[in-house]
Amino acid sequence: MGVLALALAALSLTASACKKSGVECTPPPANPVCPDGGAPSFADVYQTVFSPVCGNCHAPDASEAVMPLTSYAQIYGTNGTEAREIFNQVFESCLMPPSNALEPLTEGERQTLLDWFACGALDDSPSVDAAAGD
C-alpha cells in the first residue's frame, strides 16, 4: 500500500475540481479511508468498472490492447505500478476514461474504485484472474 499512499498523498496538493480532455473530475479527499464496511471485492471492481468501462479500450482485441486491464496482475502491475498509474489517470490527471469513451465512469463507479484503492487494492478474487487467462 506504500506505492498507493504516494499517489494518495499527491492528491493533497489538488484542492479543486479539474477538467481535462473534457472529463469533469473532482479529486477525492486528501486522505481517503477504507469504508467501514471494508473494501469492495476485486470481482466487484472488475465487473462494475474495469470490464464495462475500461474494457472497451483495454482488452486484448481493443484499441489499447498493448495495455490490457483484464486481470488483477495487469491492473495492479509489479509492486502496484500499474495501479498507481490508473489512480493517477482516473483521479489526479482526469484523463481516463476519455471524454469520448463508450462508457463514462459514473460517480458510483468512481467511488467503488476509490474505495478499492483506499483499502489497499487487494486481490481477494483469484478466480477473476484465472477466468481472464492470465
N, C-alpha and C. Protein backbone atom coordinates (compact mmCIF):
# COMPACT_ATOMS: atom_id res chain seq x y z
N MET A 1 0.82 -1.19 0.00
CA MET A 1 0.00 0.00 0.00
C MET A 1 0.86 1.26 0.00
N GLY A 2 2.14 1.15 0.26
CA GLY A 2 3.02 2.29 0.25
C GLY A 2 3.05 3.00 -1.09
N VAL A 3 3.01 2.23 -2.18
CA VAL A 3 3.01 2.81 -3.51
C VAL A 3 1.74 3.63 -3.72
N LEU A 4 0.61 3.09 -3.29
CA LEU A 4 -0.65 3.82 -3.44
C LEU A 4 -0.69 5.02 -2.51
N ALA A 5 -0.03 4.93 -1.37
CA ALA A 5 -0.01 6.05 -0.44
C ALA A 5 0.64 7.28 -1.07
N LEU A 6 1.67 7.06 -1.89
CA LEU A 6 2.31 8.17 -2.58
C LEU A 6 1.33 8.86 -3.53
N ALA A 7 0.57 8.06 -4.26
CA ALA A 7 -0.41 8.65 -5.18
C ALA A 7 -1.49 9.38 -4.41
N LEU A 8 -1.92 8.81 -3.29
CA LEU A 8 -2.94 9.46 -2.48
C LEU A 8 -2.42 10.75 -1.87
N ALA A 9 -1.17 10.75 -1.45
CA ALA A 9 -0.58 11.95 -0.86
C ALA A 9 -0.50 13.08 -1.88
N ALA A 10 -0.24 12.73 -3.12
CA ALA A 10 -0.16 13.75 -4.17
C ALA A 10 -1.48 14.49 -4.34
N LEU A 11 -2.56 13.82 -3.99
CA LEU A 11 -3.87 14.46 -4.11
C LEU A 11 -4.04 15.61 -3.15
N SER A 12 -3.30 15.61 -2.05
CA SER A 12 -3.45 16.69 -1.08
C SER A 12 -3.07 18.03 -1.68
N LEU A 13 -2.31 18.01 -2.78
CA LEU A 13 -1.93 19.25 -3.45
C LEU A 13 -3.04 19.79 -4.35
N THR A 14 -4.00 18.93 -4.68
CA THR A 14 -5.09 19.31 -5.57
C THR A 14 -6.30 19.68 -4.75
N ALA A 15 -6.74 20.91 -4.84
CA ALA A 15 -7.83 21.36 -3.97
C ALA A 15 -9.16 21.52 -4.67
N SER A 16 -9.19 21.66 -5.97
CA SER A 16 -10.47 21.90 -6.63
C SER A 16 -10.66 20.95 -7.80
N ALA A 17 -11.86 20.97 -8.34
CA ALA A 17 -12.16 20.12 -9.48
C ALA A 17 -11.36 20.57 -10.69
N CYS A 18 -11.07 19.62 -11.55
CA CYS A 18 -10.36 19.96 -12.77
C CYS A 18 -11.14 19.43 -13.95
N LYS A 19 -10.84 19.95 -15.10
CA LYS A 19 -11.47 19.46 -16.31
C LYS A 19 -10.39 19.36 -17.37
N LYS A 20 -10.03 18.13 -17.70
CA LYS A 20 -9.01 17.89 -18.71
C LYS A 20 -9.57 16.91 -19.73
N SER A 21 -9.30 17.14 -20.95
CA SER A 21 -9.79 16.29 -22.04
C SER A 21 -11.29 16.09 -21.97
N GLY A 22 -12.01 17.10 -21.48
CA GLY A 22 -13.46 17.01 -21.43
C GLY A 22 -14.01 16.20 -20.28
N VAL A 23 -13.15 15.70 -19.41
CA VAL A 23 -13.60 14.86 -18.30
C VAL A 23 -13.71 15.72 -17.05
N GLU A 24 -14.90 15.79 -16.49
CA GLU A 24 -15.09 16.52 -15.23
C GLU A 24 -14.57 15.62 -14.12
N CYS A 25 -13.71 16.16 -13.28
CA CYS A 25 -13.04 15.33 -12.29
C CYS A 25 -12.89 16.09 -10.98
N THR A 26 -13.52 15.60 -9.95
CA THR A 26 -13.36 16.19 -8.63
C THR A 26 -12.42 15.27 -7.85
N PRO A 27 -11.30 15.78 -7.39
CA PRO A 27 -10.36 14.93 -6.66
C PRO A 27 -10.99 14.37 -5.39
N PRO A 28 -10.59 13.17 -5.02
CA PRO A 28 -11.08 12.58 -3.78
C PRO A 28 -10.43 13.29 -2.59
N PRO A 29 -10.87 12.99 -1.38
CA PRO A 29 -10.24 13.60 -0.20
C PRO A 29 -8.73 13.33 -0.19
N ALA A 30 -7.98 14.19 0.46
CA ALA A 30 -6.53 14.04 0.52
C ALA A 30 -6.12 12.72 1.17
N ASN A 31 -6.89 12.26 2.12
CA ASN A 31 -6.59 11.00 2.80
C ASN A 31 -7.80 10.08 2.75
N PRO A 32 -8.08 9.48 1.58
CA PRO A 32 -9.24 8.59 1.51
C PRO A 32 -9.07 7.44 2.48
N VAL A 33 -10.14 7.06 3.10
CA VAL A 33 -10.09 5.96 4.06
C VAL A 33 -10.96 4.82 3.57
N CYS A 34 -10.56 3.64 3.96
CA CYS A 34 -11.33 2.44 3.64
C CYS A 34 -12.68 2.56 4.34
N PRO A 35 -13.78 2.34 3.64
CA PRO A 35 -15.09 2.47 4.27
C PRO A 35 -15.28 1.47 5.41
N ASP A 36 -16.16 1.82 6.33
CA ASP A 36 -16.42 0.96 7.50
C ASP A 36 -16.78 -0.47 7.09
N GLY A 37 -17.50 -0.61 6.00
CA GLY A 37 -17.91 -1.94 5.54
C GLY A 37 -16.79 -2.72 4.88
N GLY A 38 -15.62 -2.10 4.72
CA GLY A 38 -14.49 -2.75 4.08
C GLY A 38 -14.43 -2.47 2.59
N ALA A 39 -13.43 -3.04 1.98
CA ALA A 39 -13.17 -2.82 0.56
C ALA A 39 -14.18 -3.56 -0.30
N PRO A 40 -14.52 -2.97 -1.45
CA PRO A 40 -15.27 -3.77 -2.41
C PRO A 40 -14.34 -4.89 -2.88
N SER A 41 -14.90 -6.01 -3.23
CA SER A 41 -14.07 -7.11 -3.69
C SER A 41 -13.48 -6.77 -5.06
N PHE A 42 -12.38 -7.40 -5.40
CA PHE A 42 -11.81 -7.18 -6.71
C PHE A 42 -12.81 -7.60 -7.79
N ALA A 43 -13.55 -8.67 -7.54
CA ALA A 43 -14.56 -9.12 -8.51
C ALA A 43 -15.58 -8.01 -8.75
N ASP A 44 -16.02 -7.32 -7.70
CA ASP A 44 -16.97 -6.22 -7.86
C ASP A 44 -16.36 -5.08 -8.67
N VAL A 45 -15.15 -4.71 -8.33
CA VAL A 45 -14.48 -3.61 -9.04
C VAL A 45 -14.25 -3.99 -10.51
N TYR A 46 -13.86 -5.22 -10.72
CA TYR A 46 -13.62 -5.67 -12.10
C TYR A 46 -14.92 -5.67 -12.90
N GLN A 47 -15.99 -6.21 -12.31
CA GLN A 47 -17.26 -6.33 -13.03
C GLN A 47 -17.97 -5.00 -13.21
N THR A 48 -17.79 -4.05 -12.30
CA THR A 48 -18.51 -2.78 -12.40
C THR A 48 -17.69 -1.65 -13.02
N VAL A 49 -16.36 -1.76 -12.99
CA VAL A 49 -15.52 -0.68 -13.51
C VAL A 49 -14.63 -1.16 -14.65
N PHE A 50 -13.73 -2.06 -14.36
CA PHE A 50 -12.72 -2.41 -15.36
C PHE A 50 -13.30 -3.08 -16.60
N SER A 51 -14.17 -4.03 -16.43
CA SER A 51 -14.71 -4.72 -17.60
C SER A 51 -15.61 -3.82 -18.45
N PRO A 52 -16.67 -3.21 -17.88
CA PRO A 52 -17.56 -2.42 -18.74
C PRO A 52 -17.01 -1.06 -19.17
N VAL A 53 -16.21 -0.41 -18.36
CA VAL A 53 -15.73 0.93 -18.68
C VAL A 53 -14.36 0.86 -19.37
N CYS A 54 -13.40 0.25 -18.73
CA CYS A 54 -12.04 0.22 -19.26
C CYS A 54 -11.88 -0.81 -20.38
N GLY A 55 -12.67 -1.88 -20.29
CA GLY A 55 -12.54 -2.97 -21.26
C GLY A 55 -12.89 -2.60 -22.68
N ASN A 56 -13.60 -1.50 -22.88
CA ASN A 56 -13.90 -1.07 -24.24
C ASN A 56 -12.64 -0.74 -25.03
N CYS A 57 -11.60 -0.31 -24.34
CA CYS A 57 -10.33 0.01 -25.00
C CYS A 57 -9.19 -0.89 -24.54
N HIS A 58 -9.20 -1.26 -23.26
CA HIS A 58 -8.09 -2.01 -22.67
C HIS A 58 -8.38 -3.50 -22.58
N ALA A 59 -8.69 -4.09 -23.70
CA ALA A 59 -8.93 -5.53 -23.81
C ALA A 59 -8.02 -6.07 -24.92
N PRO A 60 -7.81 -7.38 -24.96
CA PRO A 60 -6.88 -7.95 -25.94
C PRO A 60 -7.13 -7.55 -27.40
N ASP A 61 -8.37 -7.40 -27.81
CA ASP A 61 -8.65 -7.07 -29.21
C ASP A 61 -9.10 -5.63 -29.40
N ALA A 62 -8.86 -4.78 -28.42
CA ALA A 62 -9.32 -3.39 -28.48
C ALA A 62 -8.18 -2.44 -28.85
N SER A 63 -8.51 -1.16 -28.94
CA SER A 63 -7.55 -0.15 -29.40
C SER A 63 -6.32 -0.02 -28.50
N GLU A 64 -6.47 -0.25 -27.22
CA GLU A 64 -5.34 -0.14 -26.28
C GLU A 64 -4.92 -1.53 -25.79
N ALA A 65 -4.88 -2.48 -26.71
CA ALA A 65 -4.54 -3.86 -26.38
C ALA A 65 -3.13 -3.99 -25.79
N VAL A 66 -2.26 -3.02 -26.07
CA VAL A 66 -0.91 -3.07 -25.51
C VAL A 66 -0.93 -2.85 -24.00
N MET A 67 -2.04 -2.33 -23.47
CA MET A 67 -2.19 -2.14 -22.04
C MET A 67 -3.52 -2.76 -21.59
N PRO A 68 -3.60 -4.11 -21.65
CA PRO A 68 -4.85 -4.75 -21.27
C PRO A 68 -5.09 -4.65 -19.76
N LEU A 69 -6.35 -4.53 -19.40
CA LEU A 69 -6.74 -4.48 -17.99
C LEU A 69 -7.79 -5.56 -17.75
N THR A 70 -7.38 -6.81 -17.97
CA THR A 70 -8.32 -7.91 -17.88
C THR A 70 -8.06 -8.85 -16.72
N SER A 71 -7.04 -8.58 -15.92
CA SER A 71 -6.76 -9.41 -14.76
C SER A 71 -6.16 -8.55 -13.64
N TYR A 72 -6.17 -9.08 -12.45
CA TYR A 72 -5.59 -8.35 -11.33
C TYR A 72 -4.11 -8.06 -11.59
N ALA A 73 -3.39 -9.04 -12.11
CA ALA A 73 -1.95 -8.86 -12.37
C ALA A 73 -1.72 -7.69 -13.34
N GLN A 74 -2.57 -7.56 -14.34
CA GLN A 74 -2.41 -6.47 -15.29
C GLN A 74 -2.83 -5.13 -14.69
N ILE A 75 -3.87 -5.15 -13.88
CA ILE A 75 -4.38 -3.93 -13.26
C ILE A 75 -3.46 -3.44 -12.15
N TYR A 76 -2.98 -4.34 -11.32
CA TYR A 76 -2.13 -3.95 -10.20
C TYR A 76 -0.68 -3.73 -10.64
N GLY A 77 -0.20 -4.60 -11.53
CA GLY A 77 1.17 -4.48 -12.02
C GLY A 77 2.20 -4.93 -11.00
N THR A 78 3.44 -4.74 -11.33
CA THR A 78 4.54 -5.10 -10.43
C THR A 78 4.65 -4.05 -9.33
N ASN A 79 4.55 -4.48 -8.10
CA ASN A 79 4.64 -3.58 -6.94
C ASN A 79 3.65 -2.42 -7.00
N GLY A 80 2.52 -2.62 -7.64
CA GLY A 80 1.49 -1.59 -7.69
C GLY A 80 1.73 -0.50 -8.71
N THR A 81 2.68 -0.71 -9.62
CA THR A 81 3.00 0.34 -10.59
C THR A 81 1.82 0.66 -11.50
N GLU A 82 1.14 -0.35 -11.98
CA GLU A 82 0.00 -0.12 -12.88
C GLU A 82 -1.16 0.50 -12.10
N ALA A 83 -1.40 0.03 -10.88
CA ALA A 83 -2.47 0.59 -10.06
C ALA A 83 -2.22 2.07 -9.78
N ARG A 84 -0.98 2.42 -9.51
CA ARG A 84 -0.63 3.82 -9.27
C ARG A 84 -0.92 4.67 -10.51
N GLU A 85 -0.60 4.12 -11.69
CA GLU A 85 -0.85 4.84 -12.93
C GLU A 85 -2.35 4.98 -13.19
N ILE A 86 -3.10 3.94 -12.93
CA ILE A 86 -4.56 4.00 -13.09
C ILE A 86 -5.13 5.05 -12.15
N PHE A 87 -4.68 5.04 -10.89
CA PHE A 87 -5.15 6.04 -9.92
C PHE A 87 -4.86 7.45 -10.44
N ASN A 88 -3.66 7.66 -10.94
CA ASN A 88 -3.27 8.96 -11.48
C ASN A 88 -4.16 9.35 -12.66
N GLN A 89 -4.36 8.44 -13.59
CA GLN A 89 -5.13 8.73 -14.79
C GLN A 89 -6.60 9.02 -14.49
N VAL A 90 -7.18 8.32 -13.51
CA VAL A 90 -8.59 8.49 -13.19
C VAL A 90 -8.84 9.64 -12.23
N PHE A 91 -8.06 9.73 -11.16
CA PHE A 91 -8.36 10.68 -10.09
C PHE A 91 -7.52 11.95 -10.10
N GLU A 92 -6.28 11.87 -10.53
CA GLU A 92 -5.40 13.02 -10.44
C GLU A 92 -5.32 13.80 -11.75
N SER A 93 -5.03 13.11 -12.84
CA SER A 93 -4.90 13.77 -14.14
C SER A 93 -6.24 13.92 -14.86
N CYS A 94 -7.22 13.17 -14.42
CA CYS A 94 -8.57 13.23 -15.01
C CYS A 94 -8.57 12.90 -16.50
N LEU A 95 -7.71 11.99 -16.92
CA LEU A 95 -7.61 11.64 -18.33
C LEU A 95 -8.38 10.38 -18.70
N MET A 96 -8.73 9.57 -17.72
CA MET A 96 -9.43 8.32 -18.00
C MET A 96 -10.71 8.25 -17.19
N PRO A 97 -11.73 7.72 -17.76
CA PRO A 97 -11.83 7.45 -19.19
C PRO A 97 -11.91 8.75 -19.97
N PRO A 98 -11.50 8.72 -21.23
CA PRO A 98 -11.53 9.95 -22.02
C PRO A 98 -12.96 10.40 -22.28
N SER A 99 -13.11 11.63 -22.66
CA SER A 99 -14.45 12.19 -22.87
C SER A 99 -15.22 11.49 -23.98
N ASN A 100 -14.53 10.83 -24.89
CA ASN A 100 -15.21 10.12 -25.97
C ASN A 100 -15.38 8.62 -25.68
N ALA A 101 -15.20 8.22 -24.44
CA ALA A 101 -15.33 6.81 -24.07
C ALA A 101 -16.75 6.31 -24.30
N LEU A 102 -16.86 5.06 -24.72
CA LEU A 102 -18.18 4.46 -24.93
C LEU A 102 -18.98 4.42 -23.64
N GLU A 103 -18.31 4.14 -22.55
CA GLU A 103 -18.94 4.09 -21.23
C GLU A 103 -18.25 5.09 -20.32
N PRO A 104 -18.94 6.12 -19.88
CA PRO A 104 -18.31 7.04 -18.92
C PRO A 104 -18.24 6.38 -17.55
N LEU A 105 -17.41 6.92 -16.71
CA LEU A 105 -17.27 6.42 -15.35
C LEU A 105 -18.24 7.22 -14.48
N THR A 106 -19.24 6.53 -13.93
CA THR A 106 -20.22 7.22 -13.10
C THR A 106 -19.62 7.57 -11.75
N GLU A 107 -20.28 8.44 -11.02
CA GLU A 107 -19.80 8.81 -9.69
C GLU A 107 -19.75 7.58 -8.78
N GLY A 108 -20.73 6.71 -8.88
CA GLY A 108 -20.74 5.48 -8.07
C GLY A 108 -19.58 4.56 -8.41
N GLU A 109 -19.27 4.44 -9.70
CA GLU A 109 -18.14 3.62 -10.13
C GLU A 109 -16.82 4.24 -9.67
N ARG A 110 -16.73 5.56 -9.76
CA ARG A 110 -15.52 6.25 -9.25
C ARG A 110 -15.35 5.96 -7.76
N GLN A 111 -16.44 6.01 -7.00
CA GLN A 111 -16.36 5.77 -5.56
C GLN A 111 -15.97 4.33 -5.27
N THR A 112 -16.51 3.39 -6.02
CA THR A 112 -16.14 1.98 -5.84
C THR A 112 -14.65 1.80 -6.08
N LEU A 113 -14.15 2.38 -7.15
CA LEU A 113 -12.72 2.28 -7.47
C LEU A 113 -11.89 2.95 -6.39
N LEU A 114 -12.29 4.14 -5.95
CA LEU A 114 -11.57 4.84 -4.90
C LEU A 114 -11.55 4.02 -3.61
N ASP A 115 -12.69 3.44 -3.24
CA ASP A 115 -12.75 2.61 -2.03
C ASP A 115 -11.80 1.42 -2.13
N TRP A 116 -11.74 0.81 -3.30
CA TRP A 116 -10.84 -0.33 -3.50
C TRP A 116 -9.39 0.11 -3.32
N PHE A 117 -9.02 1.25 -3.91
CA PHE A 117 -7.66 1.77 -3.74
C PHE A 117 -7.40 2.13 -2.27
N ALA A 118 -8.35 2.82 -1.63
CA ALA A 118 -8.16 3.25 -0.24
C ALA A 118 -7.99 2.07 0.70
N CYS A 119 -8.55 0.94 0.35
CA CYS A 119 -8.44 -0.26 1.19
C CYS A 119 -7.25 -1.13 0.81
N GLY A 120 -6.39 -0.67 -0.09
CA GLY A 120 -5.17 -1.40 -0.41
C GLY A 120 -5.18 -2.14 -1.73
N ALA A 121 -6.23 -2.02 -2.53
CA ALA A 121 -6.31 -2.66 -3.85
C ALA A 121 -6.02 -4.16 -3.76
N LEU A 122 -6.70 -4.80 -2.83
CA LEU A 122 -6.46 -6.21 -2.57
C LEU A 122 -7.00 -7.12 -3.67
N ASP A 123 -6.30 -8.21 -3.87
CA ASP A 123 -6.77 -9.24 -4.79
C ASP A 123 -7.44 -10.31 -3.95
N ASP A 124 -8.73 -10.17 -3.74
CA ASP A 124 -9.47 -11.15 -2.95
C ASP A 124 -10.32 -12.05 -3.83
N SER A 125 -10.09 -12.02 -5.13
CA SER A 125 -10.87 -12.82 -6.07
C SER A 125 -9.97 -13.48 -7.10
N PRO A 126 -9.17 -14.47 -6.71
CA PRO A 126 -8.26 -15.08 -7.66
C PRO A 126 -8.96 -15.74 -8.84
N SER A 127 -10.24 -16.08 -8.68
CA SER A 127 -10.96 -16.72 -9.79
C SER A 127 -11.11 -15.78 -10.98
N VAL A 128 -11.11 -14.46 -10.75
CA VAL A 128 -11.21 -13.50 -11.85
C VAL A 128 -9.97 -13.61 -12.72
N ASP A 129 -8.78 -13.70 -12.10
CA ASP A 129 -7.54 -13.83 -12.87
C ASP A 129 -7.55 -15.13 -13.67
N ALA A 130 -7.99 -16.23 -13.04
CA ALA A 130 -8.00 -17.50 -13.71
C ALA A 130 -8.95 -17.47 -14.91
N ALA A 131 -10.09 -16.82 -14.74
CA ALA A 131 -11.07 -16.73 -15.81
C ALA A 131 -10.57 -15.86 -16.95
N ALA A 132 -9.74 -14.89 -16.62
CA ALA A 132 -9.23 -13.96 -17.64
C ALA A 132 -8.07 -14.59 -18.43
N GLY A 133 -7.57 -15.71 -17.95
CA GLY A 133 -6.50 -16.39 -18.67
C GLY A 133 -5.13 -15.82 -18.45
N ASP A 134 -4.93 -15.17 -17.30
CA ASP A 134 -3.62 -14.59 -17.03
C ASP A 134 -2.78 -15.53 -16.22
